[in-house]
Amino acid sequence: MITAAAVCPHPPLLLRELTGQHDAAAELRAACRTAVDRVLHGAEHVALIGGAPAVPGTTRPDLAGGLPWSLRVGLRLLDDAQWTGPVELHPVADTTPTEECLRRGQDLAASSRPTALLVLGDGSARRSPKAPGHFDERAHPFDAGLVTALRSGDAQQLAALDADLARDLLAEGRAAWQVLAGAAAAQHTPPRVEVHYADDPYGVMYVVAEWRW
């Protein structure tokens, strides 16, 4: 049983020790903390879902170098929220087909425990000439569709995100968001939604949203 979901980005800047003297991510971090604190109320269990690089030629997450940034940031957010309950890690390879992502979300929704989802993923990283992936004119429409889907609680729109386009745009959250779409589609009612942050301060789209049932 899914009780709520928090959608957060996972830039390393969310780890305060990596930001230097000037805390460039203070507003983003505060938005993440607000969303996480709220979705944990009433939960007995947390499923932490984050995109991960794939083992070449497969759809298995490549964990040879340790946890991907998405799960590392998610665990820090839970630690900051003083969560002491059980946490289940769900790395999702960025090559995972949409159908498999949706199935994984449906499996999570079938749990008998009141479960909060913490979904970590960045939008496109090609929104400006100074962005990590440089500028791509397709980035803004892609992210606009993402934000609309998260703001409206539209699982179908998340499920319709183009995996190939997301890969071109360096949108690392596509697979994780589609796991959320699968879980949300299995609910009996649409979620109540609040978006706490949506901006691209470094040419990368970061969204913080809260879905509750």
N, C-alpha and C. Protein backbone atom coordinates (compact mmCIF):
# COMPACT_ATOMS: atom_id res chain seq x y z
N MET A 1 0.85 -1.19 0.00
CA MET A 1 0.00 0.00 0.00
C MET A 1 0.89 1.24 0.00
N ILE A 2 0.77 2.04 -1.03
CA ILE A 2 1.54 3.28 -1.12
C ILE A 2 0.75 4.40 -0.45
N THR A 3 1.36 5.06 0.51
CA THR A 3 0.68 6.16 1.20
C THR A 3 1.04 7.51 0.62
N ALA A 4 2.27 7.65 0.11
CA ALA A 4 2.73 8.94 -0.41
C ALA A 4 4.02 8.72 -1.18
N ALA A 5 4.40 9.73 -1.95
CA ALA A 5 5.65 9.69 -2.69
C ALA A 5 6.27 11.07 -2.71
N ALA A 6 7.57 11.13 -2.52
CA ALA A 6 8.32 12.37 -2.68
C ALA A 6 9.22 12.20 -3.89
N VAL A 7 9.19 13.16 -4.79
CA VAL A 7 10.06 13.17 -5.96
C VAL A 7 11.10 14.25 -5.74
N CYS A 8 12.37 13.89 -5.76
CA CYS A 8 13.46 14.83 -5.52
C CYS A 8 14.55 14.61 -6.56
N PRO A 9 15.35 15.64 -6.85
CA PRO A 9 16.52 15.44 -7.70
C PRO A 9 17.67 14.86 -6.88
N HIS A 10 18.78 14.58 -7.54
CA HIS A 10 19.89 13.99 -6.80
C HIS A 10 21.26 14.59 -7.14
N PRO A 11 21.37 15.90 -7.32
CA PRO A 11 22.70 16.46 -7.57
C PRO A 11 23.59 16.30 -6.33
N PRO A 12 24.89 16.10 -6.53
CA PRO A 12 25.79 16.02 -5.38
C PRO A 12 25.72 17.25 -4.47
N LEU A 13 25.27 18.39 -5.03
CA LEU A 13 25.16 19.60 -4.22
C LEU A 13 24.20 19.43 -3.04
N LEU A 14 23.33 18.41 -3.10
CA LEU A 14 22.44 18.18 -1.96
C LEU A 14 23.20 17.63 -0.75
N LEU A 15 24.43 17.18 -0.96
CA LEU A 15 25.27 16.78 0.17
C LEU A 15 26.05 18.02 0.61
N ARG A 16 25.69 18.55 1.76
CA ARG A 16 26.20 19.86 2.19
C ARG A 16 27.71 19.92 2.20
N GLU A 17 28.39 18.82 2.52
CA GLU A 17 29.84 18.86 2.61
C GLU A 17 30.51 19.04 1.25
N LEU A 18 29.75 18.91 0.17
CA LEU A 18 30.32 19.06 -1.17
C LEU A 18 30.05 20.43 -1.78
N THR A 19 29.36 21.31 -1.05
CA THR A 19 28.98 22.59 -1.64
C THR A 19 29.99 23.70 -1.40
N GLY A 20 30.97 23.48 -0.54
CA GLY A 20 31.93 24.54 -0.26
C GLY A 20 31.38 25.55 0.71
N GLN A 21 32.08 26.67 0.82
CA GLN A 21 31.70 27.69 1.80
C GLN A 21 30.33 28.28 1.49
N HIS A 22 30.05 28.48 0.20
CA HIS A 22 28.74 29.01 -0.21
C HIS A 22 27.80 27.86 -0.48
N ASP A 23 26.70 27.80 0.23
CA ASP A 23 25.73 26.72 0.07
C ASP A 23 24.81 27.05 -1.10
N ALA A 24 25.20 26.61 -2.29
CA ALA A 24 24.46 26.96 -3.49
C ALA A 24 23.14 26.22 -3.62
N ALA A 25 22.93 25.21 -2.82
CA ALA A 25 21.72 24.40 -2.95
C ALA A 25 20.81 24.50 -1.74
N ALA A 26 20.93 25.56 -0.96
CA ALA A 26 20.15 25.66 0.28
C ALA A 26 18.65 25.61 0.02
N GLU A 27 18.16 26.35 -0.98
CA GLU A 27 16.72 26.37 -1.26
C GLU A 27 16.24 25.00 -1.74
N LEU A 28 17.03 24.39 -2.62
CA LEU A 28 16.66 23.07 -3.14
C LEU A 28 16.66 22.04 -2.02
N ARG A 29 17.66 22.08 -1.16
CA ARG A 29 17.74 21.13 -0.05
C ARG A 29 16.55 21.31 0.90
N ALA A 30 16.18 22.55 1.16
CA ALA A 30 15.05 22.80 2.05
C ALA A 30 13.75 22.25 1.46
N ALA A 31 13.59 22.40 0.14
CA ALA A 31 12.38 21.87 -0.51
C ALA A 31 12.35 20.35 -0.40
N CYS A 32 13.49 19.71 -0.61
CA CYS A 32 13.56 18.25 -0.49
C CYS A 32 13.22 17.80 0.92
N ARG A 33 13.77 18.49 1.91
CA ARG A 33 13.50 18.11 3.30
C ARG A 33 12.03 18.25 3.63
N THR A 34 11.40 19.31 3.14
CA THR A 34 9.98 19.50 3.40
C THR A 34 9.16 18.35 2.82
N ALA A 35 9.44 18.02 1.56
CA ALA A 35 8.68 16.94 0.91
C ALA A 35 8.90 15.60 1.61
N VAL A 36 10.15 15.30 1.94
CA VAL A 36 10.45 14.02 2.57
C VAL A 36 9.81 13.94 3.95
N ASP A 37 9.95 14.99 4.75
CA ASP A 37 9.35 14.98 6.09
C ASP A 37 7.86 14.70 6.02
N ARG A 38 7.19 15.29 5.05
CA ARG A 38 5.74 15.16 4.97
C ARG A 38 5.30 13.77 4.52
N VAL A 39 6.01 13.18 3.56
CA VAL A 39 5.54 11.88 3.07
C VAL A 39 5.87 10.74 4.03
N LEU A 40 6.77 10.99 4.98
CA LEU A 40 7.10 9.93 5.93
C LEU A 40 6.04 9.73 7.00
N HIS A 41 5.18 10.74 7.21
CA HIS A 41 4.14 10.61 8.23
C HIS A 41 3.19 9.46 7.88
N GLY A 42 3.05 8.54 8.78
CA GLY A 42 2.15 7.41 8.58
C GLY A 42 2.76 6.22 7.87
N ALA A 43 3.97 6.39 7.36
CA ALA A 43 4.62 5.27 6.66
C ALA A 43 5.31 4.34 7.65
N GLU A 44 5.33 3.08 7.32
CA GLU A 44 6.06 2.09 8.11
C GLU A 44 7.31 1.61 7.39
N HIS A 45 7.42 1.98 6.14
CA HIS A 45 8.47 1.43 5.28
C HIS A 45 8.74 2.44 4.18
N VAL A 46 9.99 2.54 3.73
CA VAL A 46 10.35 3.44 2.64
C VAL A 46 10.97 2.62 1.51
N ALA A 47 10.50 2.85 0.31
CA ALA A 47 11.12 2.30 -0.89
C ALA A 47 11.85 3.44 -1.58
N LEU A 48 13.16 3.34 -1.66
CA LEU A 48 14.01 4.38 -2.24
C LEU A 48 14.34 3.96 -3.67
N ILE A 49 13.89 4.77 -4.63
CA ILE A 49 13.99 4.44 -6.04
C ILE A 49 14.88 5.46 -6.73
N GLY A 50 15.94 5.01 -7.36
CA GLY A 50 16.84 5.93 -8.02
C GLY A 50 17.44 5.34 -9.27
N GLY A 51 17.61 6.19 -10.28
CA GLY A 51 18.25 5.77 -11.51
C GLY A 51 19.72 5.44 -11.28
N ALA A 52 20.24 4.56 -12.10
CA ALA A 52 21.64 4.14 -12.00
C ALA A 52 22.17 3.83 -13.38
N PRO A 53 23.46 4.05 -13.61
CA PRO A 53 24.04 3.61 -14.89
C PRO A 53 23.85 2.11 -15.06
N ALA A 54 23.71 1.69 -16.29
CA ALA A 54 23.51 0.26 -16.55
C ALA A 54 24.84 -0.42 -16.85
N VAL A 55 24.93 -1.69 -16.49
CA VAL A 55 26.04 -2.51 -16.98
C VAL A 55 25.93 -2.54 -18.50
N PRO A 56 27.00 -2.20 -19.23
CA PRO A 56 26.91 -2.15 -20.69
C PRO A 56 26.31 -3.41 -21.28
N GLY A 57 25.32 -3.20 -22.17
CA GLY A 57 24.69 -4.31 -22.84
C GLY A 57 23.58 -4.98 -22.06
N THR A 58 23.24 -4.45 -20.89
CA THR A 58 22.21 -5.05 -20.05
C THR A 58 21.28 -3.97 -19.52
N THR A 59 20.26 -4.39 -18.78
CA THR A 59 19.42 -3.44 -18.04
C THR A 59 19.61 -3.63 -16.54
N ARG A 60 20.77 -4.16 -16.16
CA ARG A 60 21.08 -4.30 -14.74
C ARG A 60 21.81 -3.06 -14.24
N PRO A 61 21.47 -2.56 -13.06
CA PRO A 61 22.21 -1.42 -12.52
C PRO A 61 23.67 -1.78 -12.30
N ASP A 62 24.55 -0.86 -12.65
CA ASP A 62 25.98 -1.07 -12.44
C ASP A 62 26.35 -0.55 -11.06
N LEU A 63 26.50 -1.44 -10.11
CA LEU A 63 26.80 -1.06 -8.73
C LEU A 63 28.24 -1.41 -8.35
N ALA A 64 29.07 -1.65 -9.35
CA ALA A 64 30.44 -2.06 -9.07
C ALA A 64 31.20 -0.99 -8.28
N GLY A 65 30.89 0.27 -8.53
CA GLY A 65 31.58 1.36 -7.82
C GLY A 65 30.86 1.82 -6.57
N GLY A 66 29.87 1.06 -6.11
CA GLY A 66 29.08 1.47 -4.94
C GLY A 66 27.73 2.01 -5.36
N LEU A 67 27.02 2.57 -4.42
CA LEU A 67 25.68 3.08 -4.71
C LEU A 67 25.74 4.26 -5.66
N PRO A 68 24.78 4.37 -6.59
CA PRO A 68 24.73 5.55 -7.45
C PRO A 68 24.37 6.80 -6.64
N TRP A 69 24.64 7.96 -7.23
CA TRP A 69 24.36 9.22 -6.54
C TRP A 69 22.91 9.30 -6.09
N SER A 70 21.99 8.80 -6.91
CA SER A 70 20.57 8.92 -6.57
C SER A 70 20.28 8.28 -5.21
N LEU A 71 20.78 7.07 -4.98
CA LEU A 71 20.50 6.39 -3.72
C LEU A 71 21.31 7.00 -2.57
N ARG A 72 22.51 7.45 -2.85
CA ARG A 72 23.30 8.10 -1.80
C ARG A 72 22.62 9.36 -1.30
N VAL A 73 22.12 10.17 -2.23
CA VAL A 73 21.41 11.39 -1.84
C VAL A 73 20.12 11.03 -1.12
N GLY A 74 19.39 10.03 -1.62
CA GLY A 74 18.15 9.63 -0.96
C GLY A 74 18.37 9.18 0.47
N LEU A 75 19.41 8.39 0.70
CA LEU A 75 19.71 7.95 2.06
C LEU A 75 20.06 9.14 2.96
N ARG A 76 20.77 10.13 2.42
CA ARG A 76 21.08 11.31 3.22
C ARG A 76 19.81 12.08 3.58
N LEU A 77 18.89 12.20 2.63
CA LEU A 77 17.63 12.89 2.93
C LEU A 77 16.86 12.17 4.03
N LEU A 78 16.85 10.85 3.99
CA LEU A 78 16.17 10.08 5.04
C LEU A 78 16.88 10.25 6.38
N ASP A 79 18.19 10.29 6.34
CA ASP A 79 18.96 10.50 7.57
C ASP A 79 18.67 11.88 8.15
N ASP A 80 18.62 12.89 7.27
CA ASP A 80 18.30 14.24 7.73
C ASP A 80 16.91 14.31 8.35
N ALA A 81 15.99 13.48 7.83
CA ALA A 81 14.63 13.44 8.36
C ALA A 81 14.51 12.57 9.61
N GLN A 82 15.64 12.00 10.05
CA GLN A 82 15.70 11.14 11.24
C GLN A 82 14.80 9.92 11.10
N TRP A 83 14.73 9.40 9.88
CA TRP A 83 13.98 8.18 9.64
C TRP A 83 14.76 6.99 10.18
N THR A 84 14.11 6.19 11.02
CA THR A 84 14.76 5.01 11.60
C THR A 84 14.08 3.71 11.20
N GLY A 85 13.07 3.80 10.37
CA GLY A 85 12.37 2.60 9.93
C GLY A 85 13.10 1.90 8.80
N PRO A 86 12.52 0.80 8.31
CA PRO A 86 13.16 0.04 7.24
C PRO A 86 13.18 0.80 5.92
N VAL A 87 14.25 0.60 5.17
CA VAL A 87 14.42 1.22 3.85
C VAL A 87 14.82 0.12 2.87
N GLU A 88 14.15 0.08 1.75
CA GLU A 88 14.46 -0.88 0.71
C GLU A 88 15.00 -0.11 -0.50
N LEU A 89 16.18 -0.47 -0.98
CA LEU A 89 16.81 0.23 -2.09
C LEU A 89 16.40 -0.39 -3.42
N HIS A 90 16.02 0.47 -4.36
CA HIS A 90 15.59 0.01 -5.68
C HIS A 90 16.34 0.79 -6.76
N PRO A 91 17.60 0.41 -7.05
CA PRO A 91 18.28 1.04 -8.18
C PRO A 91 17.66 0.58 -9.49
N VAL A 92 17.43 1.52 -10.39
CA VAL A 92 16.81 1.20 -11.68
C VAL A 92 17.76 1.63 -12.78
N ALA A 93 18.23 0.69 -13.57
CA ALA A 93 19.15 1.02 -14.65
C ALA A 93 18.50 1.98 -15.63
N ASP A 94 19.29 2.94 -16.13
CA ASP A 94 18.70 3.95 -17.00
C ASP A 94 18.31 3.40 -18.37
N THR A 95 18.64 2.16 -18.65
CA THR A 95 18.21 1.53 -19.90
C THR A 95 16.97 0.65 -19.70
N THR A 96 16.42 0.62 -18.51
CA THR A 96 15.27 -0.25 -18.24
C THR A 96 14.07 0.18 -19.08
N PRO A 97 13.46 -0.72 -19.84
CA PRO A 97 12.30 -0.35 -20.66
C PRO A 97 11.14 0.15 -19.80
N THR A 98 10.34 1.00 -20.40
CA THR A 98 9.20 1.58 -19.69
C THR A 98 8.31 0.49 -19.09
N GLU A 99 8.02 -0.56 -19.84
CA GLU A 99 7.12 -1.60 -19.36
C GLU A 99 7.64 -2.24 -18.08
N GLU A 100 8.95 -2.45 -18.02
CA GLU A 100 9.54 -3.05 -16.82
C GLU A 100 9.49 -2.07 -15.65
N CYS A 101 9.72 -0.78 -15.91
CA CYS A 101 9.61 0.22 -14.84
C CYS A 101 8.20 0.24 -14.25
N LEU A 102 7.21 0.22 -15.13
CA LEU A 102 5.82 0.24 -14.67
C LEU A 102 5.49 -1.01 -13.85
N ARG A 103 6.00 -2.16 -14.29
CA ARG A 103 5.74 -3.39 -13.56
C ARG A 103 6.37 -3.34 -12.17
N ARG A 104 7.57 -2.79 -12.09
CA ARG A 104 8.22 -2.68 -10.78
C ARG A 104 7.41 -1.77 -9.85
N GLY A 105 6.85 -0.71 -10.40
CA GLY A 105 6.02 0.16 -9.58
C GLY A 105 4.75 -0.52 -9.11
N GLN A 106 4.14 -1.31 -9.97
CA GLN A 106 2.95 -2.06 -9.59
C GLN A 106 3.27 -3.06 -8.48
N ASP A 107 4.43 -3.69 -8.55
CA ASP A 107 4.83 -4.63 -7.50
C ASP A 107 4.98 -3.91 -6.16
N LEU A 108 5.54 -2.70 -6.18
CA LEU A 108 5.68 -1.94 -4.93
C LEU A 108 4.32 -1.59 -4.35
N ALA A 109 3.39 -1.25 -5.22
CA ALA A 109 2.06 -0.87 -4.75
C ALA A 109 1.31 -2.04 -4.15
N ALA A 110 1.72 -3.27 -4.47
CA ALA A 110 1.03 -4.45 -3.96
C ALA A 110 1.45 -4.80 -2.54
N SER A 111 2.43 -4.09 -1.99
CA SER A 111 2.88 -4.37 -0.62
C SER A 111 1.75 -4.14 0.37
N SER A 112 1.70 -4.96 1.42
CA SER A 112 0.68 -4.79 2.45
C SER A 112 1.07 -3.74 3.48
N ARG A 113 2.33 -3.32 3.46
CA ARG A 113 2.79 -2.34 4.44
C ARG A 113 2.54 -0.92 3.95
N PRO A 114 2.16 0.00 4.84
CA PRO A 114 2.08 1.41 4.44
C PRO A 114 3.48 1.89 4.03
N THR A 115 3.64 2.19 2.76
CA THR A 115 4.96 2.47 2.20
C THR A 115 5.01 3.86 1.59
N ALA A 116 6.08 4.59 1.90
CA ALA A 116 6.36 5.86 1.24
C ALA A 116 7.42 5.63 0.18
N LEU A 117 7.22 6.19 -0.99
CA LEU A 117 8.21 6.13 -2.05
C LEU A 117 9.05 7.40 -2.02
N LEU A 118 10.35 7.25 -2.11
CA LEU A 118 11.25 8.39 -2.30
C LEU A 118 11.92 8.17 -3.64
N VAL A 119 11.58 9.01 -4.61
CA VAL A 119 11.97 8.82 -6.00
C VAL A 119 12.98 9.89 -6.37
N LEU A 120 14.19 9.47 -6.74
CA LEU A 120 15.27 10.41 -7.01
C LEU A 120 15.61 10.42 -8.49
N GLY A 121 15.56 11.62 -9.09
CA GLY A 121 15.92 11.72 -10.50
C GLY A 121 15.96 13.16 -10.97
N ASP A 122 16.94 13.48 -11.81
CA ASP A 122 17.08 14.81 -12.39
C ASP A 122 16.39 14.88 -13.74
N GLY A 123 15.96 16.09 -14.09
CA GLY A 123 15.46 16.33 -15.43
C GLY A 123 16.61 16.50 -16.41
N SER A 124 16.34 17.11 -17.55
CA SER A 124 17.36 17.22 -18.59
C SER A 124 18.52 18.09 -18.12
N ALA A 125 19.71 17.73 -18.59
CA ALA A 125 20.92 18.48 -18.26
C ALA A 125 21.46 19.20 -19.49
N ARG A 126 20.51 19.65 -20.34
CA ARG A 126 20.91 20.31 -21.58
C ARG A 126 20.04 21.54 -21.83
N ARG A 127 19.78 22.31 -20.78
CA ARG A 127 18.85 23.42 -20.88
C ARG A 127 19.51 24.76 -21.22
N SER A 128 20.81 24.83 -21.24
CA SER A 128 21.50 26.08 -21.53
C SER A 128 22.88 25.78 -22.08
N PRO A 129 23.53 26.77 -22.70
CA PRO A 129 24.89 26.53 -23.24
C PRO A 129 25.89 26.13 -22.16
N LYS A 130 25.65 26.51 -20.91
CA LYS A 130 26.58 26.19 -19.84
C LYS A 130 26.17 24.93 -19.07
N ALA A 131 25.10 24.29 -19.50
CA ALA A 131 24.65 23.06 -18.84
C ALA A 131 25.67 21.95 -19.04
N PRO A 132 25.67 20.93 -18.18
CA PRO A 132 26.64 19.83 -18.32
C PRO A 132 26.66 19.20 -19.71
N GLY A 133 25.49 19.08 -20.34
CA GLY A 133 25.43 18.47 -21.67
C GLY A 133 25.32 19.46 -22.79
N HIS A 134 25.52 20.76 -22.48
CA HIS A 134 25.36 21.84 -23.46
C HIS A 134 23.88 21.95 -23.86
N PHE A 135 23.57 22.87 -24.74
CA PHE A 135 22.17 23.19 -25.01
C PHE A 135 21.57 22.26 -26.06
N ASP A 136 20.34 21.85 -25.79
CA ASP A 136 19.54 21.09 -26.77
C ASP A 136 18.13 21.68 -26.74
N GLU A 137 17.64 22.11 -27.88
CA GLU A 137 16.35 22.79 -27.93
C GLU A 137 15.19 21.90 -27.50
N ARG A 138 15.39 20.61 -27.45
CA ARG A 138 14.32 19.71 -27.03
C ARG A 138 14.19 19.62 -25.51
N ALA A 139 15.17 20.17 -24.79
CA ALA A 139 15.19 20.00 -23.33
C ALA A 139 14.01 20.72 -22.67
N HIS A 140 13.73 21.94 -23.08
CA HIS A 140 12.67 22.70 -22.42
C HIS A 140 11.29 22.07 -22.62
N PRO A 141 10.92 21.65 -23.83
CA PRO A 141 9.63 20.96 -23.96
C PRO A 141 9.56 19.66 -23.17
N PHE A 142 10.64 18.91 -23.16
CA PHE A 142 10.65 17.67 -22.38
C PHE A 142 10.39 17.95 -20.91
N ASP A 143 11.12 18.91 -20.36
CA ASP A 143 10.96 19.21 -18.94
C ASP A 143 9.61 19.83 -18.63
N ALA A 144 9.07 20.61 -19.57
CA ALA A 144 7.73 21.18 -19.35
C ALA A 144 6.70 20.06 -19.21
N GLY A 145 6.83 19.01 -20.03
CA GLY A 145 5.92 17.88 -19.91
C GLY A 145 6.10 17.14 -18.60
N LEU A 146 7.35 17.01 -18.17
CA LEU A 146 7.62 16.36 -16.89
C LEU A 146 6.99 17.13 -15.73
N VAL A 147 7.23 18.45 -15.69
CA VAL A 147 6.70 19.25 -14.59
C VAL A 147 5.17 19.22 -14.60
N THR A 148 4.57 19.28 -15.78
CA THR A 148 3.11 19.21 -15.87
C THR A 148 2.60 17.89 -15.31
N ALA A 149 3.28 16.79 -15.65
CA ALA A 149 2.87 15.48 -15.15
C ALA A 149 2.98 15.40 -13.64
N LEU A 150 4.09 15.90 -13.09
CA LEU A 150 4.27 15.86 -11.64
C LEU A 150 3.30 16.79 -10.93
N ARG A 151 3.04 17.94 -11.54
CA ARG A 151 2.14 18.91 -10.90
C ARG A 151 0.69 18.45 -10.91
N SER A 152 0.32 17.68 -11.91
CA SER A 152 -1.07 17.22 -12.04
C SER A 152 -1.28 15.81 -11.51
N GLY A 153 -0.21 15.15 -11.08
CA GLY A 153 -0.34 13.78 -10.61
C GLY A 153 -0.72 12.81 -11.72
N ASP A 154 -0.23 13.06 -12.93
CA ASP A 154 -0.64 12.30 -14.11
C ASP A 154 0.33 11.14 -14.34
N ALA A 155 -0.04 9.95 -13.87
CA ALA A 155 0.82 8.78 -14.04
C ALA A 155 0.95 8.40 -15.51
N GLN A 156 -0.10 8.58 -16.29
CA GLN A 156 -0.04 8.22 -17.70
C GLN A 156 0.96 9.09 -18.45
N GLN A 157 1.03 10.36 -18.11
CA GLN A 157 1.97 11.24 -18.77
C GLN A 157 3.41 10.88 -18.40
N LEU A 158 3.64 10.50 -17.15
CA LEU A 158 4.97 10.03 -16.77
C LEU A 158 5.32 8.75 -17.54
N ALA A 159 4.36 7.86 -17.66
CA ALA A 159 4.60 6.60 -18.36
C ALA A 159 4.90 6.83 -19.84
N ALA A 160 4.43 7.95 -20.38
CA ALA A 160 4.61 8.24 -21.80
C ALA A 160 5.93 8.95 -22.10
N LEU A 161 6.75 9.24 -21.09
CA LEU A 161 8.04 9.88 -21.35
C LEU A 161 8.87 9.01 -22.28
N ASP A 162 9.49 9.64 -23.26
CA ASP A 162 10.27 8.94 -24.28
C ASP A 162 11.64 8.58 -23.72
N ALA A 163 11.91 7.28 -23.59
CA ALA A 163 13.17 6.85 -22.98
C ALA A 163 14.38 7.25 -23.82
N ASP A 164 14.28 7.16 -25.13
CA ASP A 164 15.40 7.54 -25.99
C ASP A 164 15.68 9.03 -25.91
N LEU A 165 14.62 9.83 -25.92
CA LEU A 165 14.79 11.28 -25.81
C LEU A 165 15.37 11.64 -24.45
N ALA A 166 14.87 11.00 -23.40
CA ALA A 166 15.40 11.27 -22.06
C ALA A 166 16.90 10.98 -22.02
N ARG A 167 17.32 9.90 -22.65
CA ARG A 167 18.75 9.56 -22.66
C ARG A 167 19.54 10.62 -23.43
N ASP A 168 19.01 11.09 -24.56
CA ASP A 168 19.68 12.14 -25.33
C ASP A 168 19.85 13.41 -24.51
N LEU A 169 18.86 13.71 -23.68
CA LEU A 169 18.85 14.95 -22.91
C LEU A 169 19.51 14.81 -21.55
N LEU A 170 20.07 13.63 -21.27
CA LEU A 170 20.73 13.37 -20.00
C LEU A 170 19.77 13.54 -18.83
N ALA A 171 18.51 13.18 -19.06
CA ALA A 171 17.48 13.24 -18.00
C ALA A 171 17.55 11.94 -17.22
N GLU A 172 18.25 11.95 -16.10
CA GLU A 172 18.57 10.72 -15.38
C GLU A 172 17.41 10.17 -14.55
N GLY A 173 16.30 10.88 -14.50
CA GLY A 173 15.21 10.41 -13.67
C GLY A 173 14.15 9.59 -14.38
N ARG A 174 14.26 9.44 -15.72
CA ARG A 174 13.17 8.83 -16.47
C ARG A 174 12.74 7.48 -15.92
N ALA A 175 13.67 6.58 -15.70
CA ALA A 175 13.29 5.23 -15.25
C ALA A 175 12.65 5.27 -13.86
N ALA A 176 13.22 6.05 -12.95
CA ALA A 176 12.66 6.14 -11.59
C ALA A 176 11.26 6.75 -11.61
N TRP A 177 11.06 7.79 -12.42
CA TRP A 177 9.72 8.40 -12.50
C TRP A 177 8.71 7.40 -13.05
N GLN A 178 9.12 6.53 -13.96
CA GLN A 178 8.18 5.57 -14.52
C GLN A 178 7.89 4.43 -13.54
N VAL A 179 8.79 4.14 -12.61
CA VAL A 179 8.44 3.25 -11.51
C VAL A 179 7.34 3.89 -10.67
N LEU A 180 7.48 5.19 -10.38
CA LEU A 180 6.42 5.91 -9.68
C LEU A 180 5.11 5.84 -10.46
N ALA A 181 5.18 6.00 -11.78
CA ALA A 181 3.96 5.95 -12.59
C ALA A 181 3.26 4.60 -12.44
N GLY A 182 4.03 3.52 -12.40
CA GLY A 182 3.42 2.21 -12.23
C GLY A 182 2.75 2.06 -10.88
N ALA A 183 3.42 2.57 -9.83
CA ALA A 183 2.83 2.49 -8.49
C ALA A 183 1.57 3.35 -8.40
N ALA A 184 1.63 4.54 -8.98
CA ALA A 184 0.48 5.45 -8.90
C ALA A 184 -0.71 4.91 -9.68
N ALA A 185 -0.46 4.26 -10.82
CA ALA A 185 -1.55 3.72 -11.63
C ALA A 185 -2.29 2.61 -10.90
N ALA A 186 -1.62 1.98 -9.94
CA ALA A 186 -2.25 0.90 -9.18
C ALA A 186 -3.09 1.41 -8.01
N GLN A 187 -3.06 2.70 -7.75
CA GLN A 187 -3.86 3.28 -6.67
C GLN A 187 -5.30 3.45 -7.13
N HIS A 188 -6.19 3.55 -6.17
CA HIS A 188 -7.62 3.65 -6.50
C HIS A 188 -8.05 5.09 -6.78
N THR A 189 -7.27 6.03 -6.35
CA THR A 189 -7.62 7.45 -6.52
C THR A 189 -6.40 8.21 -7.01
N PRO A 190 -6.60 9.34 -7.68
CA PRO A 190 -5.46 10.16 -8.08
C PRO A 190 -4.84 10.81 -6.85
N PRO A 191 -3.56 11.16 -6.93
CA PRO A 191 -2.90 11.74 -5.77
C PRO A 191 -3.25 13.21 -5.56
N ARG A 192 -3.12 13.64 -4.32
CA ARG A 192 -3.09 15.06 -4.01
C ARG A 192 -1.64 15.50 -4.16
N VAL A 193 -1.43 16.61 -4.84
CA VAL A 193 -0.08 16.96 -5.26
C VAL A 193 0.32 18.34 -4.75
N GLU A 194 1.58 18.46 -4.40
CA GLU A 194 2.18 19.77 -4.14
C GLU A 194 3.59 19.76 -4.71
N VAL A 195 3.90 20.78 -5.51
CA VAL A 195 5.25 20.94 -6.06
C VAL A 195 5.96 22.00 -5.23
N HIS A 196 7.08 21.63 -4.65
CA HIS A 196 7.81 22.53 -3.76
C HIS A 196 8.94 23.28 -4.46
N TYR A 197 9.36 22.79 -5.63
CA TYR A 197 10.48 23.42 -6.31
C TYR A 197 10.48 22.94 -7.76
N ALA A 198 10.73 23.87 -8.69
CA ALA A 198 10.91 23.51 -10.10
C ALA A 198 11.75 24.62 -10.74
N ASP A 199 13.02 24.33 -10.96
CA ASP A 199 13.93 25.35 -11.49
C ASP A 199 15.15 24.66 -12.09
N ASP A 200 15.96 25.45 -12.80
CA ASP A 200 17.15 24.90 -13.46
C ASP A 200 18.36 25.79 -13.22
N PRO A 201 18.79 25.95 -11.96
CA PRO A 201 19.84 26.92 -11.65
C PRO A 201 21.18 26.63 -12.31
N TYR A 202 21.44 25.41 -12.72
CA TYR A 202 22.72 25.06 -13.35
C TYR A 202 22.53 24.49 -14.75
N GLY A 203 21.40 24.82 -15.36
CA GLY A 203 21.11 24.25 -16.67
C GLY A 203 20.58 22.84 -16.60
N VAL A 204 20.28 22.37 -15.37
CA VAL A 204 19.71 21.04 -15.14
C VAL A 204 18.36 21.23 -14.46
N MET A 205 17.34 20.51 -14.92
CA MET A 205 16.01 20.67 -14.34
C MET A 205 15.88 19.88 -13.06
N TYR A 206 15.56 20.58 -11.98
CA TYR A 206 15.34 19.95 -10.69
C TYR A 206 13.89 20.18 -10.28
N VAL A 207 13.21 19.12 -9.90
CA VAL A 207 11.82 19.21 -9.45
C VAL A 207 11.69 18.49 -8.12
N VAL A 208 10.98 19.12 -7.19
CA VAL A 208 10.64 18.49 -5.91
C VAL A 208 9.13 18.49 -5.80
N ALA A 209 8.54 17.32 -5.72
CA ALA A 209 7.09 17.19 -5.68
C ALA A 209 6.67 16.17 -4.64
N GLU A 210 5.45 16.32 -4.19
CA GLU A 210 4.88 15.43 -3.18
C GLU A 210 3.55 14.92 -3.68
N TRP A 211 3.39 13.61 -3.72
CA TRP A 211 2.13 12.98 -4.07
C TRP A 211 1.63 12.23 -2.84
N ARG A 212 0.35 12.42 -2.50
CA ARG A 212 -0.23 11.75 -1.34
C ARG A 212 -1.56 11.11 -1.70
N TRP A 213 -1.81 9.96 -1.08
CA TRP A 213 -3.10 9.27 -1.29
C TRP A 213 -3.85 9.12 0.02
